[in-house]
């Protein structure tokens, strides 16, 4: 589990999208992303994926 506090999980993962071409991270509404209305500010691509919840290994 990456974040045990719900507020922290919402801040880190909700509405966060990653550009598939240049890996730029943006925060936008999911309906606008799915409609293709928002381009990447770095490369102009309109293909995004959601931020995946990282798994961290304990050392």
PDB file of N, CA and C in Angstrom:
ATOM      1  N   UNK A   1       0.830  -1.186   0.000  1.00  0.00           N
ATOM      2  CA  UNK A   1       0.000   0.000   0.000  1.00  0.00           C
ATOM      3  C   UNK A   1       0.868   1.241   0.000  1.00  0.00           C
ATOM      4  N   UNK A   2       0.733   2.077  -0.989  1.00  0.00           N
ATOM      5  CA  UNK A   2       1.590   3.241  -1.064  1.00  0.00           C
ATOM      6  C   UNK A   2       1.246   4.336  -0.065  1.00  0.00           C
ATOM      7  N   UNK A   3      -0.029   4.583   0.179  1.00  0.00           N
ATOM      8  CA  UNK A   3      -0.404   5.651   1.101  1.00  0.00           C
ATOM      9  C   UNK A   3      -1.506   5.141   2.028  1.00  0.00           C
ATOM     10  N   UNK A   4      -1.260   5.204   3.322  1.00  0.00           N
ATOM     11  CA  UNK A   4      -2.251   4.721   4.277  1.00  0.00           C
ATOM     12  C   UNK A   4      -3.270   5.796   4.634  1.00  0.00           C
ATOM     13  N   UNK A   5      -2.943   7.030   4.341  1.00  0.00           N
ATOM     14  CA  UNK A   5      -3.840   8.135   4.643  1.00  0.00           C
ATOM     15  C   UNK A   5      -4.644   8.449   3.376  1.00  0.00           C
ATOM     16  N   UNK A   6      -5.977   8.430   3.444  1.00  0.00           N
ATOM     17  CA  UNK A   6      -6.784   8.654   2.237  1.00  0.00           C
ATOM     18  C   UNK A   6      -6.551  10.019   1.582  1.00  0.00           C
ATOM     19  N   UNK A   7      -6.315  11.043   2.385  1.00  0.00           N
ATOM     20  CA  UNK A   7      -6.070  12.371   1.830  1.00  0.00           C
ATOM     21  C   UNK A   7      -4.770  12.391   1.024  1.00  0.00           C
ATOM     22  N   UNK A   8      -3.769  11.678   1.510  1.00  0.00           N
ATOM     23  CA  UNK A   8      -2.493  11.620   0.792  1.00  0.00           C
ATOM     24  C   UNK A   8      -2.647  10.848  -0.513  1.00  0.00           C
ATOM     25  N   UNK A   9      -3.393   9.748  -0.492  1.00  0.00           N
ATOM     26  CA  UNK A   9      -3.617   8.967  -1.708  1.00  0.00           C
ATOM     27  C   UNK A   9      -4.381   9.793  -2.742  1.00  0.00           C
ATOM     28  N   UNK A  10      -5.351  10.562  -2.301  1.00  0.00           N
ATOM     29  CA  UNK A  10      -6.111  11.408  -3.222  1.00  0.00           C
ATOM     30  C   UNK A  10      -5.220  12.483  -3.839  1.00  0.00           C
ATOM     31  N   UNK A  11      -4.347  13.059  -3.034  1.00  0.00           N
ATOM     32  CA  UNK A  11      -3.449  14.095  -3.540  1.00  0.00           C
ATOM     33  C   UNK A  11      -2.441  13.524  -4.538  1.00  0.00           C
ATOM     34  N   UNK A  12      -1.950  12.326  -4.277  1.00  0.00           N
ATOM     35  CA  UNK A  12      -0.910  11.751  -5.127  1.00  0.00           C
ATOM     36  C   UNK A  12      -1.443  11.141  -6.417  1.00  0.00           C
ATOM     37  N   UNK A  13      -2.648  10.554  -6.386  1.00  0.00           N
ATOM     38  CA  UNK A  13      -3.088   9.747  -7.515  1.00  0.00           C
ATOM     39  C   UNK A  13      -4.354  10.218  -8.213  1.00  0.00           C
ATOM     40  N   UNK A  14      -5.180  11.034  -7.581  1.00  0.00           N
ATOM     41  CA  UNK A  14      -6.428  11.412  -8.248  1.00  0.00           C
ATOM     42  C   UNK A  14      -6.172  12.546  -9.232  1.00  0.00           C
ATOM     43  N   UNK A  15      -6.739  12.407 -10.430  1.00  0.00           N
ATOM     44  CA  UNK A  15      -6.647  13.392 -11.499  1.00  0.00           C
ATOM     45  C   UNK A  15      -5.227  13.597 -12.003  1.00  0.00           C
ATOM     46  N   UNK A  16      -4.307  12.637 -11.777  1.00  0.00           N
ATOM     47  CA  UNK A  16      -2.936  12.758 -12.251  1.00  0.00           C
ATOM     48  C   UNK A  16      -2.777  11.869 -13.474  1.00  0.00           C
ATOM     49  N   UNK A  17      -2.283  12.447 -14.570  1.00  0.00           N
ATOM     50  CA  UNK A  17      -2.120  11.745 -15.836  1.00  0.00           C
ATOM     51  C   UNK A  17      -0.685  11.873 -16.303  1.00  0.00           C
ATOM     52  N   UNK A  18      -0.182  10.827 -16.976  1.00  0.00           N
ATOM     53  CA  UNK A  18       1.182  10.779 -17.470  1.00  0.00           C
ATOM     54  C   UNK A  18       1.130  10.700 -18.999  1.00  0.00           C
ATOM     55  N   UNK A  19       1.904  11.539 -19.666  1.00  0.00           N
ATOM     56  CA  UNK A  19       1.972  11.514 -21.126  1.00  0.00           C
ATOM     57  C   UNK A  19       2.668  10.224 -21.555  1.00  0.00           C
ATOM     58  N   UNK A  20       2.126   9.561 -22.555  1.00  0.00           N
ATOM     59  CA  UNK A  20       2.707   8.300 -23.015  1.00  0.00           C
ATOM     60  C   UNK A  20       3.978   8.513 -23.832  1.00  0.00           C
ATOM     61  N   UNK A  21       4.171   9.694 -24.372  1.00  0.00           N
ATOM     62  CA  UNK A  21       5.362   9.942 -25.192  1.00  0.00           C
ATOM     63  C   UNK A  21       6.527  10.479 -24.364  1.00  0.00           C
ATOM     64  N   UNK A  22       6.302  11.551 -23.618  1.00  0.00           N
ATOM     65  CA  UNK A  22       7.425  12.220 -22.940  1.00  0.00           C
ATOM     66  C   UNK A  22       7.421  12.043 -21.425  1.00  0.00           C
ATOM     67  N   UNK A  23       6.422  11.364 -20.871  1.00  0.00           N
ATOM     68  CA  UNK A  23       6.322  11.070 -19.428  1.00  0.00           C
ATOM     69  C   UNK A  23       6.118  12.311 -18.562  1.00  0.00           C
ATOM     70  N   UNK A  24       5.590  13.386 -19.148  1.00  0.00           N
ATOM     71  CA  UNK A  24       5.255  14.589 -18.376  1.00  0.00           C
ATOM     72  C   UNK A  24       4.019  14.328 -17.533  1.00  0.00           C
ATOM     73  N   UNK A  25       4.027  14.756 -16.301  1.00  0.00           N
ATOM     74  CA  UNK A  25       2.912  14.544 -15.385  1.00  0.00           C
ATOM     75  C   UNK A  25       2.052  15.797 -15.340  1.00  0.00           C
ATOM     76  N   UNK A  26       0.737  15.637 -15.551  1.00  0.00           N
ATOM     77  CA  UNK A  26      -0.180  16.770 -15.464  1.00  0.00           C
ATOM     78  C   UNK A  26      -1.366  16.380 -14.596  1.00  0.00           C
ATOM     79  N   UNK A  27      -2.088  17.373 -14.126  1.00  0.00           N
ATOM     80  CA  UNK A  27      -3.302  17.151 -13.347  1.00  0.00           C
ATOM     81  C   UNK A  27      -4.457  17.767 -14.135  1.00  0.00           C
ATOM     82  N   UNK A  28      -5.439  16.914 -14.500  1.00  0.00           N
ATOM     83  CA  UNK A  28      -6.551  17.395 -15.316  1.00  0.00           C
ATOM     84  C   UNK A  28      -7.780  16.536 -15.036  1.00  0.00           C
ATOM     85  N   UNK A  29      -8.921  17.002 -15.511  1.00  0.00           N
ATOM     86  CA  UNK A  29     -10.177  16.293 -15.349  1.00  0.00           C
ATOM     87  C   UNK A  29     -10.215  15.082 -16.282  1.00  0.00           C
ATOM     88  N   UNK A  30     -10.727  13.960 -15.798  1.00  0.00           N
ATOM     89  CA  UNK A  30     -10.694  12.726 -16.583  1.00  0.00           C
ATOM     90  C   UNK A  30     -11.588  12.791 -17.819  1.00  0.00           C
ATOM     91  N   UNK A  31     -12.703  13.513 -17.754  1.00  0.00           N
ATOM     92  CA  UNK A  31     -13.567  13.623 -18.923  1.00  0.00           C
ATOM     93  C   UNK A  31     -12.892  14.396 -20.052  1.00  0.00           C
ATOM     94  N   UNK A  32     -12.126  15.418 -19.716  1.00  0.00           N
ATOM     95  CA  UNK A  32     -11.417  16.183 -20.738  1.00  0.00           C
ATOM     96  C   UNK A  32     -10.271  15.374 -21.335  1.00  0.00           C
ATOM     97  N   UNK A  33      -9.628  14.557 -20.524  1.00  0.00           N
ATOM     98  CA  UNK A  33      -8.547  13.700 -21.022  1.00  0.00           C
ATOM     99  C   UNK A  33      -9.111  12.666 -21.984  1.00  0.00           C
ATOM    100  N   UNK A  34     -10.227  12.032 -21.618  1.00  0.00           N
ATOM    101  CA  UNK A  34     -10.828  11.005 -22.470  1.00  0.00           C
ATOM    102  C   UNK A  34     -11.365  11.591 -23.767  1.00  0.00           C
ATOM    103  N   UNK A  35     -11.826  12.833 -23.745  1.00  0.00           N
ATOM    104  CA  UNK A  35     -12.335  13.475 -24.946  1.00  0.00           C
ATOM    105  C   UNK A  35     -11.213  13.985 -25.839  1.00  0.00           C
ATOM    106  N   UNK A  36      -9.988  13.998 -25.335  1.00  0.00           N
ATOM    107  CA  UNK A  36      -8.860  14.464 -26.135  1.00  0.00           C
ATOM    108  C   UNK A  36      -8.765  15.970 -26.222  1.00  0.00           C
ATOM    109  N   UNK A  37      -9.307  16.669 -25.250  1.00  0.00           N
ATOM    110  CA  UNK A  37      -9.307  18.130 -25.287  1.00  0.00           C
ATOM    111  C   UNK A  37      -8.030  18.744 -24.737  1.00  0.00           C
ATOM    112  N   UNK A  38      -7.242  17.960 -24.001  1.00  0.00           N
ATOM    113  CA  UNK A  38      -6.067  18.509 -23.340  1.00  0.00           C
ATOM    114  C   UNK A  38      -4.800  17.910 -23.962  1.00  0.00           C
ATOM    115  N   UNK A  39      -3.947  18.752 -24.561  1.00  0.00           N
ATOM    116  CA  UNK A  39      -2.679  18.241 -25.074  1.00  0.00           C
ATOM    117  C   UNK A  39      -1.597  18.302 -23.997  1.00  0.00           C
ATOM    118  N   UNK A  40      -0.551  17.544 -24.202  1.00  0.00           N
ATOM    119  CA  UNK A  40       0.591  17.584 -23.286  1.00  0.00           C
ATOM    120  C   UNK A  40       1.280  18.942 -23.434  1.00  0.00           C
ATOM    121  N   UNK A  41       1.596  19.621 -22.338  1.00  0.00           N
ATOM    122  CA  UNK A  41       2.241  20.931 -22.445  1.00  0.00           C
ATOM    123  C   UNK A  41       3.674  20.849 -22.965  1.00  0.00           C
ATOM    124  N   UNK A  42       4.284  19.671 -22.902  1.00  0.00           N
ATOM    125  CA  UNK A  42       5.674  19.529 -23.321  1.00  0.00           C
ATOM    126  C   UNK A  42       5.801  19.115 -24.791  1.00  0.00           C
ATOM    127  N   UNK A  43       5.015  18.081 -25.207  1.00  0.00           N
ATOM    128  CA  UNK A  43       5.193  17.551 -26.561  1.00  0.00           C
ATOM    129  C   UNK A  43       3.956  17.687 -27.446  1.00  0.00           C
ATOM    130  N   UNK A  44       2.806  18.013 -26.882  1.00  0.00           N
ATOM    131  CA  UNK A  44       1.602  18.202 -27.680  1.00  0.00           C
ATOM    132  C   UNK A  44       0.792  16.935 -27.913  1.00  0.00           C
ATOM    133  N   UNK A  45       1.275  15.805 -27.452  1.00  0.00           N
ATOM    134  CA  UNK A  45       0.565  14.530 -27.612  1.00  0.00           C
ATOM    135  C   UNK A  45      -0.725  14.540 -26.792  1.00  0.00           C
ATOM    136  N   UNK A  46      -1.742  13.810 -27.226  1.00  0.00           N
ATOM    137  CA  UNK A  46      -3.012  13.748 -26.501  1.00  0.00           C
ATOM    138  C   UNK A  46      -3.269  12.360 -25.924  1.00  0.00           C
ATOM    139  N   UNK A  47      -2.253  11.534 -25.829  1.00  0.00           N
ATOM    140  CA  UNK A  47      -2.389  10.187 -25.266  1.00  0.00           C
ATOM    141  C   UNK A  47      -1.821  10.188 -23.849  1.00  0.00           C
ATOM    142  N   UNK A  48      -2.672   9.893 -22.883  1.00  0.00           N
ATOM    143  CA  UNK A  48      -2.270   9.895 -21.481  1.00  0.00           C
ATOM    144  C   UNK A  48      -2.653   8.575 -20.835  1.00  0.00           C
ATOM    145  N   UNK A  49      -1.999   8.269 -19.734  1.00  0.00           N
ATOM    146  CA  UNK A  49      -2.370   7.135 -18.900  1.00  0.00           C
ATOM    147  C   UNK A  49      -2.468   7.642 -17.470  1.00  0.00           C
ATOM    148  N   UNK A  50      -3.220   6.920 -16.651  1.00  0.00           N
ATOM    149  CA  UNK A  50      -3.323   7.289 -15.250  1.00  0.00           C
ATOM    150  C   UNK A  50      -2.048   6.949 -14.511  1.00  0.00           C
ATOM    151  N   UNK A  51      -1.772   7.653 -13.455  1.00  0.00           N
ATOM    152  CA  UNK A  51      -0.592   7.364 -12.654  1.00  0.00           C
ATOM    153  C   UNK A  51      -0.824   6.070 -11.907  1.00  0.00           C
ATOM    154  N   UNK A  52       0.106   5.135 -12.045  1.00  0.00           N
ATOM    155  CA  UNK A  52      -0.045   3.860 -11.355  1.00  0.00           C
ATOM    156  C   UNK A  52       0.464   3.981  -9.925  1.00  0.00           C
ATOM    157  N   UNK A  53      -0.167   3.275  -9.049  1.00  0.00           N
ATOM    158  CA  UNK A  53       0.221   3.306  -7.642  1.00  0.00           C
ATOM    159  C   UNK A  53       1.498   2.505  -7.469  1.00  0.00           C
ATOM    160  N   UNK A  54       2.531   3.183  -7.009  1.00  0.00           N
ATOM    161  CA  UNK A  54       3.839   2.562  -6.899  1.00  0.00           C
ATOM    162  C   UNK A  54       3.872   1.551  -5.772  1.00  0.00           C
ATOM    163  N   UNK A  55       4.614   0.507  -5.982  1.00  0.00           N
ATOM    164  CA  UNK A  55       4.865  -0.470  -4.913  1.00  0.00           C
ATOM    165  C   UNK A  55       6.279  -0.263  -4.436  1.00  0.00           C
ATOM    166  N   UNK A  56       6.425   0.006  -3.187  1.00  0.00           N
ATOM    167  CA  UNK A  56       7.748   0.264  -2.624  1.00  0.00           C
ATOM    168  C   UNK A  56       8.167  -0.926  -1.781  1.00  0.00           C
ATOM    169  N   UNK A  57       9.399  -1.328  -1.963  1.00  0.00           N
ATOM    170  CA  UNK A  57       9.935  -2.452  -1.210  1.00  0.00           C
ATOM    171  C   UNK A  57      10.599  -1.954   0.056  1.00  0.00           C
ATOM    172  N   UNK A  58      10.351  -2.620   1.144  1.00  0.00           N
ATOM    173  CA  UNK A  58      10.988  -2.243   2.416  1.00  0.00           C
ATOM    174  C   UNK A  58      12.415  -2.755   2.424  1.00  0.00           C
ATOM    175  N   UNK A  59      13.312  -1.916   2.884  1.00  0.00           N
ATOM    176  CA  UNK A  59      14.723  -2.322   2.939  1.00  0.00           C
ATOM    177  C   UNK A  59      15.081  -2.866   4.300  1.00  0.00           C
TER     178      UNK A  59
END
